[in-house]
């Protein structure tokens, strides 16, 4: 038992502690919701089958298990998104900004405009003081151009 505690402590030190907190929160909420949904659906379906046939049926358990299996992944994704929005706002905002940039990058053909937008997105997402993008031609080792973004300074 002592070895298990030591292994967990070592894993927490090696990995980001926030990772374990997020996963613990996710799977605690997910397990609770799935258990409530499973037992609720078994009870409900047992009563329906009992009202229809006059006896209990194992079909209620089978149908409830299939329903829980079908909703596991979508429910896990939604709970993870909710946790990120509530507790890890910076990460969630960064994901939204990068998703928006991906849409812009898909439609933009001018390299200079795309590089300037990339610099703006990186500066906004990482909240850095200065961002530079260096463009290099694939055949030459010389620098083709640099595009920088420096946020407006507060006055």
Foldseek 3Di string as FASTA:
>chain_A
DVVVVVVVVVVCVVDPVVVVVLVVVLVVVLVVVLVCQLVVQLVVVQVVCCVVPVHGDCVSNVVSVVVSVVCNVVVSVVSSLVCCVPPVVLVNVLVVLVVVLVVVVVPDDDPVVNQQSVQVSCCVSVVDQKDKDWDDDPVDPDTPDIDMDGDDDDD
